[in-house]
Amino acid sequence: MANVSLPSRLPKGRTRRVAPLLVGALLIAAAPAAATPAAAPATAVDLTYKVYGGGLLILSLDTKAELGGGRYEIASNVVTEGLVERLFPGRLTSQAHGTLTGAGPQMQRYMQAYKGRFGDRSIDMTLAADGTYDVAAEPEMLPEQSPIDPKAMAGAVDPLTASIYAALTGTKAPCASRVPVFDGRRVYELDFSMRATDRLEPRAAGEFAGEAWRCEVAYKPKSGFTREWHIRRAKDPLRPATVWLARFDGGNGADDGPSLLLPVRVQVESAYFNAVAHLTRASIDGRELIVSREE
C-alpha cells in the first residue's frame, strides 16, 4: 500500500479571496452525529480501494483519517495502475482537516495536487477568520467561469471530506443527505437517495462481503461552471453514481468500539466508460476489518 501521511502544519501558497461562507451554517440534510464530537475519543481509519474499468485495474486509492476530539484529519493518495499507468501515469494527493460539529464537518483547510501526463494542477484553500476562503489555484481559474454564488457555498465541504461524509456525521439515514461541495473552483451538490439494501459478495481479493445500503448519488452543479460545461452536459447528462454504504461496528462487531458508515463499493457509468471501486482493505483503530489478499 502507498504511504499516506496525515496533514500537519500545511504550507500556505499564493492566495485569491473568493465568495464569503456562512461559517457554521451547515445546511446539509443529514441527521446529527450520534454523540457529541468533542466527547468522542479519536478514531483512526485506514482504507484501500481498487478501481476497475472494463475489468482491468486502473487506479489504487489509499485513505487515512483520524476522527474525534471535535476535529478530523484526512489524507489520500491516488495512483494509476496497469495499462493506465503505462499510457497516462499520474498521482493525485489530497489532504483535509476541519472541525466536527453536531450538524456535521466544517472544513478548515484543503490541499490537492496532481502530477502526471496531463500536467500539474493544484488547489490550496483555507477558511479565513472572516468566513471567506483563501484559494490558490494552479492553473488559475478560467476567465469564462461564472462567479461563485456565496449562497451556494453555505455549509460546503471539500471533496475529500465529502468522500467519507457519512462516517463524519454518524447519520442514521445514510442515503438521505445533500452534501454541498466546494473544490476550490466550483460548487456542486451530491444528492443521495435510497434505492435498496443489498447483500454484497466479494468479486476480487479481499473485498467487503455483507449487507450494504445502495444509494444513488446525483451530481448537481451549483456555481462556478462554464457555459461550455453546461452545453456539453445538456448533450450528454451526467448519470447518477451508485454507492454502497456499510456500517462497521467497532471492529468485528465490538460494542465498545466506534460505529462508522463507510463506502464499500462505488459504481460510475458514462457514455464512454464504466468504472467500479471496491473497498479491499479496512482497519479501524488498528483492527483489520477487511484484509487484502495481496498483502
C-alpha atoms as a PDB file:
ATOM      1  CA  MET A   1       0.000   0.000   0.000  1.00  0.00           C
ATOM      2  CA  ALA A   2       1.245   3.524  -0.776  1.00  0.00           C
ATOM      3  CA  ASN A   3       2.416   5.634   2.137  1.00  0.00           C
ATOM      4  CA  VAL A   4      -0.169   8.248   3.069  1.00  0.00           C
ATOM      5  CA  SER A   5       0.604  10.780   5.778  1.00  0.00           C
ATOM      6  CA  LEU A   6      -1.876  12.845   7.707  1.00  0.00           C
ATOM      7  CA  PRO A   7      -1.549  16.628   7.307  1.00  0.00           C
ATOM      8  CA  SER A   8       0.270  18.613   9.975  1.00  0.00           C
ATOM      9  CA  ARG A   9       1.248  22.257   9.514  1.00  0.00           C
ATOM     10  CA  LEU A  10       0.363  22.752   5.881  1.00  0.00           C
ATOM     11  CA  PRO A  11       2.252  25.402   3.889  1.00  0.00           C
ATOM     12  CA  LYS A  12       0.316  28.360   2.563  1.00  0.00           C
ATOM     13  CA  GLY A  13       0.569  29.329  -1.090  1.00  0.00           C
ATOM     14  CA  ARG A  14      -0.396  32.308  -3.222  1.00  0.00           C
ATOM     15  CA  THR A  15      -3.969  33.182  -2.329  1.00  0.00           C
ATOM     16  CA  ARG A  16      -7.034  34.511  -4.035  1.00  0.00           C
ATOM     17  CA  ARG A  17     -10.066  35.519  -1.951  1.00  0.00           C
ATOM     18  CA  VAL A  18     -13.383  34.094  -3.138  1.00  0.00           C
ATOM     19  CA  ALA A  19     -17.008  34.260  -2.057  1.00  0.00           C
ATOM     20  CA  PRO A  20     -17.924  34.526   1.650  1.00  0.00           C
ATOM     21  CA  LEU A  21     -19.063  31.477   3.589  1.00  0.00           C
ATOM     22  CA  LEU A  22     -21.582  31.492   6.425  1.00  0.00           C
ATOM     23  CA  VAL A  23     -19.383  29.739   8.951  1.00  0.00           C
ATOM     24  CA  GLY A  24     -21.242  27.126  10.910  1.00  0.00           C
ATOM     25  CA  ALA A  25     -24.394  27.348   8.796  1.00  0.00           C
ATOM     26  CA  LEU A  26     -24.257  23.738   7.706  1.00  0.00           C
ATOM     27  CA  LEU A  27     -27.343  23.217   5.610  1.00  0.00           C
ATOM     28  CA  ILE A  28     -26.645  19.570   4.828  1.00  0.00           C
ATOM     29  CA  ALA A  29     -29.765  17.425   5.156  1.00  0.00           C
ATOM     30  CA  ALA A  30     -28.327  14.726   7.398  1.00  0.00           C
ATOM     31  CA  ALA A  31     -29.000  13.515  10.921  1.00  0.00           C
ATOM     32  CA  PRO A  32     -26.738  14.852  13.710  1.00  0.00           C
ATOM     33  CA  ALA A  33     -23.827  12.787  14.939  1.00  0.00           C
ATOM     34  CA  ALA A  34     -24.753  10.080  17.383  1.00  0.00           C
ATOM     35  CA  ALA A  35     -22.604  11.576  20.132  1.00  0.00           C
ATOM     36  CA  THR A  36     -21.112  14.984  20.886  1.00  0.00           C
ATOM     37  CA  PRO A  37     -17.971  15.076  18.731  1.00  0.00           C
ATOM     38  CA  ALA A  38     -15.818  16.771  21.381  1.00  0.00           C
ATOM     39  CA  ALA A  39     -16.522  13.958  23.844  1.00  0.00           C
ATOM     40  CA  ALA A  40     -15.625  11.119  21.482  1.00  0.00           C
ATOM     41  CA  PRO A  41     -12.106   9.617  21.518  1.00  0.00           C
ATOM     42  CA  ALA A  42     -10.030   9.850  18.360  1.00  0.00           C
ATOM     43  CA  THR A  43     -10.647   7.070  15.852  1.00  0.00           C
ATOM     44  CA  ALA A  44      -8.040   6.028  13.275  1.00  0.00           C
ATOM     45  CA  VAL A  45      -9.380   4.795   9.921  1.00  0.00           C
ATOM     46  CA  ASP A  46      -7.219   3.240   7.188  1.00  0.00           C
ATOM     47  CA  LEU A  47      -8.853   2.312   3.858  1.00  0.00           C
ATOM     48  CA  THR A  48      -7.692   0.985   0.488  1.00  0.00           C
ATOM     49  CA  TYR A  49      -9.809   0.990  -2.671  1.00  0.00           C
ATOM     50  CA  LYS A  50      -9.087  -0.596  -6.044  1.00  0.00           C
ATOM     51  CA  VAL A  51     -10.758   0.924  -9.111  1.00  0.00           C
ATOM     52  CA  TYR A  52     -11.517  -1.200 -12.172  1.00  0.00           C
ATOM     53  CA  GLY A  53     -12.504  -0.100 -15.665  1.00  0.00           C
ATOM     54  CA  GLY A  54     -13.510  -2.636 -18.287  1.00  0.00           C
ATOM     55  CA  GLY A  55     -12.498  -5.375 -15.872  1.00  0.00           C
ATOM     56  CA  LEU A  56      -8.935  -4.043 -15.583  1.00  0.00           C
ATOM     57  CA  LEU A  57      -7.315  -2.453 -12.545  1.00  0.00           C
ATOM     58  CA  ILE A  58      -6.791   1.242 -13.363  1.00  0.00           C
ATOM     59  CA  LEU A  59      -6.402   3.079 -10.023  1.00  0.00           C
ATOM     60  CA  SER A  60      -5.498   2.480  -6.387  1.00  0.00           C
ATOM     61  CA  LEU A  61      -6.719   4.788  -3.613  1.00  0.00           C
ATOM     62  CA  ASP A  62      -5.361   4.844  -0.057  1.00  0.00           C
ATOM     63  CA  THR A  63      -7.060   6.975   2.591  1.00  0.00           C
ATOM     64  CA  LYS A  64      -6.131   7.560   6.221  1.00  0.00           C
ATOM     65  CA  ALA A  65      -8.253   9.557   8.647  1.00  0.00           C
ATOM     66  CA  GLU A  66      -8.329  10.479  12.321  1.00  0.00           C
ATOM     67  CA  LEU A  67     -11.740  11.447  13.703  1.00  0.00           C
ATOM     68  CA  GLY A  68     -12.570  12.652  17.198  1.00  0.00           C
ATOM     69  CA  GLY A  69     -11.898  15.287  19.814  1.00  0.00           C
ATOM     70  CA  GLY A  70     -14.043  17.674  17.823  1.00  0.00           C
ATOM     71  CA  ARG A  71     -11.685  17.502  14.832  1.00  0.00           C
ATOM     72  CA  TYR A  72     -10.861  15.393  11.792  1.00  0.00           C
ATOM     73  CA  GLU A  73      -7.845  14.940   9.512  1.00  0.00           C
ATOM     74  CA  ILE A  74      -7.821  13.043   6.216  1.00  0.00           C
ATOM     75  CA  ALA A  75      -5.110  12.237   3.684  1.00  0.00           C
ATOM     76  CA  SER A  76      -5.419  10.289   0.440  1.00  0.00           C
ATOM     77  CA  ASN A  77      -3.192   9.133  -2.378  1.00  0.00           C
ATOM     78  CA  VAL A  78      -4.444   8.007  -5.812  1.00  0.00           C
ATOM     79  CA  VAL A  79      -2.063   6.294  -8.245  1.00  0.00           C
ATOM     80  CA  THR A  80      -2.631   4.932 -11.732  1.00  0.00           C
ATOM     81  CA  GLU A  81      -2.232   1.186 -12.264  1.00  0.00           C
ATOM     82  CA  GLY A  82      -1.737  -1.283 -15.105  1.00  0.00           C
ATOM     83  CA  LEU A  83      -2.274  -0.085 -18.661  1.00  0.00           C
ATOM     84  CA  VAL A  84      -3.370   3.359 -17.467  1.00  0.00           C
ATOM     85  CA  GLU A  85      -0.081   3.718 -15.586  1.00  0.00           C
ATOM     86  CA  ARG A  86       1.835   2.975 -18.791  1.00  0.00           C
ATOM     87  CA  LEU A  87      -0.200   5.289 -21.017  1.00  0.00           C
ATOM     88  CA  PHE A  88      -1.371   8.062 -18.682  1.00  0.00           C
ATOM     89  CA  PRO A  89       0.685   7.911 -15.461  1.00  0.00           C
ATOM     90  CA  GLY A  90      -0.478  10.190 -12.687  1.00  0.00           C
ATOM     91  CA  ARG A  91      -0.548  10.800  -8.934  1.00  0.00           C
ATOM     92  CA  LEU A  92      -3.203  12.699  -7.010  1.00  0.00           C
ATOM     93  CA  THR A  93      -2.630  13.574  -3.344  1.00  0.00           C
ATOM     94  CA  SER A  94      -5.187  15.284  -1.116  1.00  0.00           C
ATOM     95  CA  GLN A  95      -5.239  16.483   2.495  1.00  0.00           C
ATOM     96  CA  ALA A  96      -8.025  18.000   4.572  1.00  0.00           C
ATOM     97  CA  HIS A  97      -8.709  18.898   8.167  1.00  0.00           C
ATOM     98  CA  GLY A  98     -11.536  20.608   9.993  1.00  0.00           C
ATOM     99  CA  THR A  99     -13.844  20.583  12.978  1.00  0.00           C
ATOM    100  CA  LEU A 100     -16.701  18.240  13.839  1.00  0.00           C
ATOM    101  CA  THR A 101     -19.991  19.782  14.935  1.00  0.00           C
ATOM    102  CA  GLY A 102     -23.338  18.298  15.868  1.00  0.00           C
ATOM    103  CA  ALA A 103     -24.524  19.135  12.340  1.00  0.00           C
ATOM    104  CA  GLY A 104     -21.549  17.687  10.517  1.00  0.00           C
ATOM    105  CA  PRO A 105     -17.979  18.517   9.436  1.00  0.00           C
ATOM    106  CA  GLN A 106     -16.734  22.069   8.881  1.00  0.00           C
ATOM    107  CA  MET A 107     -13.714  22.305   6.600  1.00  0.00           C
ATOM    108  CA  GLN A 108     -10.744  24.399   7.730  1.00  0.00           C
ATOM    109  CA  ARG A 109      -8.061  23.510   5.159  1.00  0.00           C
ATOM    110  CA  TYR A 110      -7.897  21.506   1.930  1.00  0.00           C
ATOM    111  CA  MET A 111      -4.984  20.793  -0.404  1.00  0.00           C
ATOM    112  CA  GLN A 112      -4.889  18.760  -3.610  1.00  0.00           C
ATOM    113  CA  ALA A 113      -2.043  18.224  -6.073  1.00  0.00           C
ATOM    114  CA  TYR A 114      -1.956  16.264  -9.348  1.00  0.00           C
ATOM    115  CA  LYS A 115       1.212  15.384 -11.231  1.00  0.00           C
ATOM    116  CA  GLY A 116       1.042  13.338 -14.383  1.00  0.00           C
ATOM    117  CA  ARG A 117       0.555  13.046 -18.116  1.00  0.00           C
ATOM    118  CA  PHE A 118      -1.966  15.898 -18.248  1.00  0.00           C
ATOM    119  CA  GLY A 119       0.231  18.473 -16.493  1.00  0.00           C
ATOM    120  CA  ASP A 120       0.415  19.719 -12.927  1.00  0.00           C
ATOM    121  CA  ARG A 121      -2.663  21.009 -11.126  1.00  0.00           C
ATOM    122  CA  SER A 122      -3.127  22.080  -7.523  1.00  0.00           C
ATOM    123  CA  ILE A 123      -5.626  23.625  -5.133  1.00  0.00           C
ATOM    124  CA  ASP A 124      -4.891  25.052  -1.686  1.00  0.00           C
ATOM    125  CA  MET A 125      -7.779  26.604   0.223  1.00  0.00           C
ATOM    126  CA  THR A 126      -8.097  27.818   3.792  1.00  0.00           C
ATOM    127  CA  LEU A 127     -11.083  29.086   5.754  1.00  0.00           C
ATOM    128  CA  ALA A 128     -10.226  32.619   6.892  1.00  0.00           C
ATOM    129  CA  ALA A 129     -11.294  34.222  10.170  1.00  0.00           C
ATOM    130  CA  ASP A 130     -13.897  36.384   8.411  1.00  0.00           C
ATOM    131  CA  GLY A 131     -15.631  33.350   6.910  1.00  0.00           C
ATOM    132  CA  THR A 132     -14.217  33.681   3.390  1.00  0.00           C
ATOM    133  CA  TYR A 133     -11.926  31.199   1.655  1.00  0.00           C
ATOM    134  CA  ASP A 134      -8.360  31.931   0.594  1.00  0.00           C
ATOM    135  CA  VAL A 135      -7.759  29.863  -2.544  1.00  0.00           C
ATOM    136  CA  ALA A 136      -4.563  29.273  -4.519  1.00  0.00           C
ATOM    137  CA  ALA A 137      -5.248  27.511  -7.828  1.00  0.00           C
ATOM    138  CA  GLU A 138      -2.754  26.300 -10.435  1.00  0.00           C
ATOM    139  CA  PRO A 139      -3.579  26.814 -13.220  1.00  0.00           C
ATOM    140  CA  GLU A 140      -5.653  29.841 -12.320  1.00  0.00           C
ATOM    141  CA  MET A 141      -9.408  29.794 -12.671  1.00  0.00           C
ATOM    142  CA  LEU A 142     -10.696  30.300 -16.203  1.00  0.00           C
ATOM    143  CA  PRO A 143     -11.963  33.807 -17.063  1.00  0.00           C
ATOM    144  CA  GLU A 144     -15.111  32.274 -18.567  1.00  0.00           C
ATOM    145  CA  GLN A 145     -16.046  30.567 -15.299  1.00  0.00           C
ATOM    146  CA  SER A 146     -19.154  32.063 -13.758  1.00  0.00           C
ATOM    147  CA  PRO A 147     -18.689  33.874 -10.421  1.00  0.00           C
ATOM    148  CA  ILE A 148     -19.229  31.732  -7.344  1.00  0.00           C
ATOM    149  CA  ASP A 149     -22.515  32.466  -5.616  1.00  0.00           C
ATOM    150  CA  PRO A 150     -21.967  32.982  -1.841  1.00  0.00           C
ATOM    151  CA  LYS A 151     -25.298  31.311  -1.071  1.00  0.00           C
ATOM    152  CA  ALA A 152     -24.218  28.153  -2.897  1.00  0.00           C
ATOM    153  CA  MET A 153     -21.214  27.790  -0.588  1.00  0.00           C
ATOM    154  CA  ALA A 154     -23.185  27.647   2.650  1.00  0.00           C
ATOM    155  CA  GLY A 155     -22.190  24.506   4.527  1.00  0.00           C
ATOM    156  CA  ALA A 156     -19.907  23.260   1.746  1.00  0.00           C
ATOM    157  CA  VAL A 157     -17.130  20.764   2.419  1.00  0.00           C
ATOM    158  CA  ASP A 158     -14.169  19.785   0.264  1.00  0.00           C
ATOM    159  CA  PRO A 159     -14.197  16.677  -1.995  1.00  0.00           C
ATOM    160  CA  LEU A 160     -12.039  14.640   0.392  1.00  0.00           C
ATOM    161  CA  THR A 161     -14.280  15.356   3.376  1.00  0.00           C
ATOM    162  CA  ALA A 162     -17.315  14.551   1.221  1.00  0.00           C
ATOM    163  CA  SER A 163     -15.841  11.131   0.391  1.00  0.00           C
ATOM    164  CA  ILE A 164     -16.316   9.927   3.983  1.00  0.00           C
ATOM    165  CA  TYR A 165     -19.141  12.294   4.901  1.00  0.00           C
ATOM    166  CA  ALA A 166     -21.324   9.508   6.311  1.00  0.00           C
ATOM    167  CA  ALA A 167     -18.535   8.441   8.667  1.00  0.00           C
ATOM    168  CA  LEU A 168     -18.011  12.017   9.860  1.00  0.00           C
ATOM    169  CA  THR A 169     -21.684  12.708  10.586  1.00  0.00           C
ATOM    170  CA  GLY A 170     -22.687   9.381  12.123  1.00  0.00           C
ATOM    171  CA  THR A 171     -26.028   9.708  10.359  1.00  0.00           C
ATOM    172  CA  LYS A 172     -28.672   7.032  10.863  1.00  0.00           C
ATOM    173  CA  ALA A 173     -30.085   7.784   7.379  1.00  0.00           C
ATOM    174  CA  PRO A 174     -27.108   7.077   5.095  1.00  0.00           C
ATOM    175  CA  CYS A 175     -28.958   7.669   1.821  1.00  0.00           C
ATOM    176  CA  ALA A 176     -30.817  10.836   2.770  1.00  0.00           C
ATOM    177  CA  SER A 177     -28.117  13.503   2.502  1.00  0.00           C
ATOM    178  CA  ARG A 178     -27.464  16.500   0.304  1.00  0.00           C
ATOM    179  CA  VAL A 179     -23.798  17.367   0.551  1.00  0.00           C
ATOM    180  CA  PRO A 180     -22.651  20.729  -0.880  1.00  0.00           C
ATOM    181  CA  VAL A 181     -19.039  20.530  -2.067  1.00  0.00           C
ATOM    182  CA  PHE A 182     -16.543  23.298  -2.913  1.00  0.00           C
ATOM    183  CA  ASP A 183     -13.454  22.025  -4.749  1.00  0.00           C
ATOM    184  CA  GLY A 184     -11.698  25.395  -4.920  1.00  0.00           C
ATOM    185  CA  ARG A 185     -13.030  26.155  -8.403  1.00  0.00           C
ATOM    186  CA  ARG A 186     -16.690  25.130  -8.444  1.00  0.00           C
ATOM    187  CA  VAL A 187     -19.570  24.404  -6.093  1.00  0.00           C
ATOM    188  CA  TYR A 188     -21.733  21.346  -6.629  1.00  0.00           C
ATOM    189  CA  GLU A 189     -24.101  19.193  -4.620  1.00  0.00           C
ATOM    190  CA  LEU A 190     -24.066  15.435  -4.101  1.00  0.00           C
ATOM    191  CA  ASP A 191     -27.681  14.354  -3.681  1.00  0.00           C
ATOM    192  CA  PHE A 192     -28.020  10.917  -2.038  1.00  0.00           C
ATOM    193  CA  SER A 193     -31.222   8.882  -2.350  1.00  0.00           C
ATOM    194  CA  MET A 194     -32.005   5.401  -1.040  1.00  0.00           C
ATOM    195  CA  ARG A 195     -32.513   2.620  -3.576  1.00  0.00           C
ATOM    196  CA  ALA A 196     -32.269  -0.736  -1.759  1.00  0.00           C
ATOM    197  CA  THR A 197     -30.416  -2.884   0.737  1.00  0.00           C
ATOM    198  CA  ASP A 198     -28.156  -5.434  -0.928  1.00  0.00           C
ATOM    199  CA  ARG A 199     -26.041  -8.304   0.246  1.00  0.00           C
ATOM    200  CA  LEU A 200     -22.683  -7.867  -1.441  1.00  0.00           C
ATOM    201  CA  GLU A 201     -20.394 -10.731  -2.296  1.00  0.00           C
ATOM    202  CA  PRO A 202     -16.668 -10.260  -2.914  1.00  0.00           C
ATOM    203  CA  ARG A 203     -15.612 -10.181  -6.561  1.00  0.00           C
ATOM    204  CA  ALA A 204     -11.875  -9.665  -6.106  1.00  0.00           C
ATOM    205  CA  ALA A 205      -9.143 -10.029  -3.498  1.00  0.00           C
ATOM    206  CA  GLY A 206     -10.195  -9.017   0.000  1.00  0.00           C
ATOM    207  CA  GLU A 207     -13.414  -7.190  -0.845  1.00  0.00           C
ATOM    208  CA  PHE A 208     -16.281  -6.498   1.521  1.00  0.00           C
ATOM    209  CA  ALA A 209     -18.998  -9.118   1.976  1.00  0.00           C
ATOM    210  CA  GLY A 210     -22.243  -8.367   3.814  1.00  0.00           C
ATOM    211  CA  GLU A 211     -25.269  -6.083   3.978  1.00  0.00           C
ATOM    212  CA  ALA A 212     -24.955  -2.603   2.466  1.00  0.00           C
ATOM    213  CA  TRP A 213     -27.262   0.298   1.634  1.00  0.00           C
ATOM    214  CA  ARG A 214     -27.398   1.032  -2.092  1.00  0.00           C
ATOM    215  CA  CYS A 215     -27.578   4.793  -2.677  1.00  0.00           C
ATOM    216  CA  GLU A 216     -27.955   6.738  -5.893  1.00  0.00           C
ATOM    217  CA  VAL A 217     -25.813   9.882  -5.933  1.00  0.00           C
ATOM    218  CA  ALA A 218     -26.684  12.689  -8.350  1.00  0.00           C
ATOM    219  CA  TYR A 219     -24.122  15.380  -9.222  1.00  0.00           C
ATOM    220  CA  LYS A 220     -25.792  18.803  -9.321  1.00  0.00           C
ATOM    221  CA  PRO A 221     -23.760  21.850 -10.435  1.00  0.00           C
ATOM    222  CA  LYS A 222     -24.376  24.960  -8.356  1.00  0.00           C
ATOM    223  CA  SER A 223     -21.848  27.685  -9.150  1.00  0.00           C
ATOM    224  CA  GLY A 224     -18.566  28.393 -10.956  1.00  0.00           C
ATOM    225  CA  PHE A 225     -19.208  26.264 -14.057  1.00  0.00           C
ATOM    226  CA  THR A 226     -18.534  27.482 -17.589  1.00  0.00           C
ATOM    227  CA  ARG A 227     -21.192  27.909 -20.264  1.00  0.00           C
ATOM    228  CA  GLU A 228     -19.394  25.263 -22.345  1.00  0.00           C
ATOM    229  CA  TRP A 229     -19.695  22.786 -19.469  1.00  0.00           C
ATOM    230  CA  HIS A 230     -23.459  23.288 -19.283  1.00  0.00           C
ATOM    231  CA  ILE A 231     -23.806  22.901 -23.073  1.00  0.00           C
ATOM    232  CA  ARG A 232     -21.766  19.691 -23.035  1.00  0.00           C
ATOM    233  CA  ARG A 233     -23.768  18.256 -20.139  1.00  0.00           C
ATOM    234  CA  ALA A 234     -27.045  19.167 -21.865  1.00  0.00           C
ATOM    235  CA  LYS A 235     -25.981  16.912 -24.754  1.00  0.00           C
ATOM    236  CA  ASP A 236     -24.532  14.202 -22.502  1.00  0.00           C
ATOM    237  CA  PRO A 237     -26.076  14.416 -18.998  1.00  0.00           C
ATOM    238  CA  LEU A 238     -24.072  13.037 -16.112  1.00  0.00           C
ATOM    239  CA  ARG A 239     -25.508   9.762 -14.930  1.00  0.00           C
ATOM    240  CA  PRO A 240     -26.005   9.241 -11.190  1.00  0.00           C
ATOM    241  CA  ALA A 241     -23.340   7.179  -9.467  1.00  0.00           C
ATOM    242  CA  THR A 242     -24.193   4.238  -7.238  1.00  0.00           C
ATOM    243  CA  VAL A 243     -22.609   3.995  -3.787  1.00  0.00           C
ATOM    244  CA  TRP A 244     -22.951   1.109  -1.349  1.00  0.00           C
ATOM    245  CA  LEU A 245     -22.509   2.083   2.320  1.00  0.00           C
ATOM    246  CA  ALA A 246     -21.933  -0.388   5.148  1.00  0.00           C
ATOM    247  CA  ARG A 247     -21.727   0.079   8.893  1.00  0.00           C
ATOM    248  CA  PHE A 248     -18.638  -1.112  10.717  1.00  0.00           C
ATOM    249  CA  ASP A 249     -19.276  -1.539  14.451  1.00  0.00           C
ATOM    250  CA  GLY A 250     -16.075  -1.136  16.356  1.00  0.00           C
ATOM    251  CA  GLY A 251     -14.118  -3.822  14.637  1.00  0.00           C
ATOM    252  CA  ASN A 252     -15.698  -7.228  14.195  1.00  0.00           C
ATOM    253  CA  GLY A 253     -18.927  -6.063  15.797  1.00  0.00           C
ATOM    254  CA  ALA A 254     -17.499  -4.997  19.161  1.00  0.00           C
ATOM    255  CA  ASP A 255     -19.983  -2.890  21.069  1.00  0.00           C
ATOM    256  CA  ASP A 256     -17.357  -0.713  22.756  1.00  0.00           C
ATOM    257  CA  GLY A 257     -15.713   0.471  19.542  1.00  0.00           C
ATOM    258  CA  PRO A 258     -16.633   3.197  17.055  1.00  0.00           C
ATOM    259  CA  SER A 259     -19.504   2.697  14.629  1.00  0.00           C
ATOM    260  CA  LEU A 260     -18.759   4.120  11.202  1.00  0.00           C
ATOM    261  CA  LEU A 261     -20.543   4.199   7.856  1.00  0.00           C
ATOM    262  CA  LEU A 262     -18.071   3.699   5.022  1.00  0.00           C
ATOM    263  CA  PRO A 263     -18.350   3.378   1.225  1.00  0.00           C
ATOM    264  CA  VAL A 264     -17.602  -0.236   0.291  1.00  0.00           C
ATOM    265  CA  ARG A 265     -18.370  -0.056  -3.432  1.00  0.00           C
ATOM    266  CA  VAL A 266     -18.812   2.822  -5.903  1.00  0.00           C
ATOM    267  CA  GLN A 267     -20.003   2.440  -9.492  1.00  0.00           C
ATOM    268  CA  VAL A 268     -19.797   5.193 -12.130  1.00  0.00           C
ATOM    269  CA  GLU A 269     -21.246   4.930 -15.633  1.00  0.00           C
ATOM    270  CA  SER A 270     -20.900   7.227 -18.638  1.00  0.00           C
ATOM    271  CA  ALA A 271     -21.302   7.088 -22.388  1.00  0.00           C
ATOM    272  CA  TYR A 272     -17.590   6.299 -22.730  1.00  0.00           C
ATOM    273  CA  PHE A 273     -16.666   4.013 -19.848  1.00  0.00           C
ATOM    274  CA  ASN A 274     -17.855   2.278 -16.697  1.00  0.00           C
ATOM    275  CA  ALA A 275     -15.772   2.078 -13.532  1.00  0.00           C
ATOM    276  CA  VAL A 276     -16.247   0.440 -10.160  1.00  0.00           C
ATOM    277  CA  ALA A 277     -14.274   0.978  -6.946  1.00  0.00           C
ATOM    278  CA  HIS A 278     -14.089  -1.767  -4.324  1.00  0.00           C
ATOM    279  CA  LEU A 279     -13.013  -1.434  -0.696  1.00  0.00           C
ATOM    280  CA  THR A 280     -10.242  -4.035  -0.468  1.00  0.00           C
ATOM    281  CA  ARG A 281      -8.731  -3.190   2.915  1.00  0.00           C
ATOM    282  CA  ALA A 282     -10.144  -1.505   6.027  1.00  0.00           C
ATOM    283  CA  SER A 283      -8.934  -1.058   9.585  1.00  0.00           C
ATOM    284  CA  ILE A 284     -10.364   0.954  12.473  1.00  0.00           C
ATOM    285  CA  ASP A 285      -8.081   1.729  15.420  1.00  0.00           C
ATOM    286  CA  GLY A 286      -5.680  -0.923  14.196  1.00  0.00           C
ATOM    287  CA  ARG A 287      -8.307  -3.668  13.947  1.00  0.00           C
ATOM    288  CA  GLU A 288      -8.284  -5.224  10.492  1.00  0.00           C
ATOM    289  CA  LEU A 289     -11.893  -5.482   9.294  1.00  0.00           C
ATOM    290  CA  ILE A 290     -11.101  -6.272   5.666  1.00  0.00           C
ATOM    291  CA  VAL A 291      -7.733  -7.748   4.756  1.00  0.00           C
ATOM    292  CA  SER A 292      -6.454  -7.600   1.203  1.00  0.00           C
ATOM    293  CA  ARG A 293      -5.271 -10.948  -0.094  1.00  0.00           C
ATOM    294  CA  GLU A 294      -2.477  -9.111  -1.864  1.00  0.00           C
ATOM    295  CA  GLU A 295      -0.726  -8.441   1.465  1.00  0.00           C
END
